[in-house]
Amino acid sequence: MNNCSFIGRLTAEPELKTTQSGLSVCSFTLAVPRPKVKDKTDFIRFVAWRQTAEFIAKYFHKGNRIAIAGTLTSRSYEKDGKTLTINEVVVEDADFCESKGNSANNAAVEAYADAMAQFEPDDGDLPF
């Protein structure tokens, strides 16, 4: 089973791009402290696609804490005649983990909550 979860801080602004076929893709790096090891931090690469990519690029900024669930992947490419391999996490889910007391993040949390409210079904829409 290939599932991994992380909570860390963005080391830079997430980079949102669009592929030639029109898909959104967002890449970023998190600083993730190692559990039970003092003063040790890992810097892990992440990539998100489609709506998840747009969500991350819109609501998260350098220094924000973010919770990520995804799968670890490897990809290889050639550069200067050498084969290089990159390990990164493909994001399946991203969520806020800053407290509401953090004023820098309050606007993003409120905007996200407002956006998600439009997807909540009305009692009359439920089939049971």
Protein backbone atom coordinates (compact mmCIF):
# COMPACT_ATOMS: atom_id res chain seq x y z
CA MET A 1 0.00 0.00 0.00
CA ASN A 2 1.41 3.38 -0.99
CA ASN A 3 -0.20 6.06 1.22
CA CYS A 4 1.63 8.86 2.97
CA SER A 5 0.58 11.88 5.01
CA PHE A 6 2.52 15.01 5.84
CA ILE A 7 2.08 18.24 7.76
CA GLY A 8 4.62 20.90 6.97
CA ARG A 9 5.26 24.46 5.90
CA LEU A 10 5.55 25.68 2.33
CA THR A 11 9.13 26.71 1.59
CA ALA A 12 8.07 29.00 -1.30
CA GLU A 13 4.96 30.08 -3.16
CA PRO A 14 3.29 27.10 -4.90
CA GLU A 15 3.99 27.14 -8.64
CA LEU A 16 0.82 26.72 -10.71
CA LYS A 17 1.17 25.86 -14.40
CA THR A 18 -1.11 24.58 -17.15
CA THR A 19 -0.18 21.69 -19.41
CA GLN A 20 -0.58 21.88 -23.19
CA SER A 21 -3.79 19.86 -22.82
CA GLY A 22 -5.18 22.41 -20.32
CA LEU A 23 -4.65 20.52 -17.02
CA SER A 24 -3.63 22.52 -13.96
CA VAL A 25 -0.52 21.29 -12.17
CA CYS A 26 0.99 22.76 -9.01
CA SER A 27 4.42 21.91 -7.63
CA PHE A 28 5.79 22.90 -4.24
CA THR A 29 8.14 21.83 -1.47
CA LEU A 30 7.28 21.35 2.20
CA ALA A 31 9.59 21.58 5.17
CA VAL A 32 8.49 18.62 7.31
CA PRO A 33 9.99 18.12 10.78
CA ARG A 34 11.01 14.56 11.58
CA PRO A 35 9.00 13.01 14.40
CA LYS A 36 10.93 12.31 17.60
CA VAL A 37 14.16 13.80 16.15
CA LYS A 38 15.08 17.23 17.43
CA ASP A 39 16.21 19.85 14.91
CA LYS A 40 15.87 17.62 11.84
CA THR A 41 13.73 18.72 8.90
CA ASP A 42 13.12 17.03 5.56
CA PHE A 43 12.34 19.00 2.40
CA ILE A 44 9.87 17.01 0.31
CA ARG A 45 8.67 17.72 -3.23
CA PHE A 46 4.95 17.55 -4.05
CA VAL A 47 2.87 17.78 -7.20
CA ALA A 48 -0.91 18.31 -7.37
CA TRP A 49 -3.20 18.13 -10.38
CA ARG A 50 -6.48 19.66 -11.55
CA GLN A 51 -8.77 21.19 -8.87
CA THR A 52 -6.39 20.21 -6.06
CA ALA A 53 -3.61 22.15 -7.80
CA GLU A 54 -5.82 25.23 -8.16
CA PHE A 55 -6.98 24.97 -4.53
CA ILE A 56 -3.41 24.87 -3.21
CA ALA A 57 -2.22 27.72 -5.42
CA LYS A 58 -5.17 29.91 -4.42
CA TYR A 59 -5.30 29.37 -0.65
CA PHE A 60 -1.74 28.54 0.45
CA HIS A 61 1.36 30.71 0.48
CA LYS A 62 4.98 30.56 1.56
CA GLY A 63 5.22 29.72 5.28
CA ASN A 64 1.64 28.35 5.62
CA ARG A 65 1.15 24.99 7.29
CA ILE A 66 -0.63 22.45 5.12
CA ALA A 67 -1.75 18.86 5.60
CA ILE A 68 -1.20 16.58 2.62
CA ALA A 69 -2.21 13.00 1.82
CA GLY A 70 -0.86 11.31 -1.28
CA THR A 71 1.25 8.63 -2.90
CA LEU A 72 5.02 8.48 -3.25
CA THR A 73 6.20 8.28 -6.86
CA SER A 74 9.50 8.18 -8.73
CA ARG A 75 10.27 9.47 -12.19
CA SER A 76 13.46 9.46 -14.20
CA TYR A 77 14.85 11.71 -16.89
CA GLU A 78 18.15 12.24 -18.68
CA LYS A 79 20.31 15.31 -18.36
CA ASP A 80 23.79 15.68 -19.79
CA GLY A 81 23.88 11.95 -20.54
CA LYS A 82 23.06 10.99 -16.94
CA THR A 83 19.83 9.42 -15.74
CA LEU A 84 18.39 11.31 -12.78
CA THR A 85 15.56 10.09 -10.55
CA ILE A 86 13.19 12.32 -8.63
CA ASN A 87 11.00 11.16 -5.76
CA GLU A 88 7.89 13.22 -5.11
CA VAL A 89 4.46 12.88 -3.55
CA VAL A 90 1.42 13.11 -5.82
CA VAL A 91 -1.18 14.97 -3.77
CA GLU A 92 -4.58 13.33 -3.41
CA ASP A 93 -5.90 15.62 -0.66
CA ALA A 94 -4.80 18.91 0.88
CA ASP A 95 -6.22 20.69 3.90
CA PHE A 96 -5.69 23.66 6.19
CA CYS A 97 -3.98 23.11 9.52
CA GLU A 98 -3.46 26.69 10.72
CA SER A 99 -5.62 27.81 13.60
CA LYS A 100 -8.44 30.26 12.99
CA GLY A 101 -6.59 32.66 15.29
CA ASN A 102 -3.93 33.14 12.62
CA SER A 103 -5.09 36.37 10.99
CA ALA A 104 -2.93 35.86 7.90
CA ASN A 105 -4.83 32.66 7.14
CA ASN A 106 -8.34 33.71 8.24
CA ALA A 107 -9.34 35.18 4.88
CA ALA A 108 -8.29 32.01 3.05
CA VAL A 109 -10.13 29.75 5.50
CA GLU A 110 -13.30 31.83 5.26
CA ALA A 111 -13.16 31.96 1.45
CA TYR A 112 -12.68 28.19 1.31
CA ALA A 113 -15.60 27.62 3.70
CA ASP A 114 -17.81 29.89 1.57
CA ALA A 115 -16.80 28.05 -1.60
CA MET A 116 -17.49 24.65 -0.03
CA ALA A 117 -20.89 25.80 1.28
CA GLN A 118 -22.21 25.93 -2.27
CA PHE A 119 -21.64 22.16 -2.55
CA GLU A 120 -23.62 21.22 0.55
CA PRO A 121 -26.91 19.60 -0.46
CA ASP A 122 -30.19 21.15 0.55
CA ASP A 123 -32.46 18.82 2.59
CA GLY A 124 -34.90 18.82 -0.31
CA ASP A 125 -32.19 17.49 -2.63
CA LEU A 126 -31.59 14.31 -0.62
CA PRO A 127 -33.20 11.17 -2.04
CA PHE A 128 -33.88 9.62 1.38
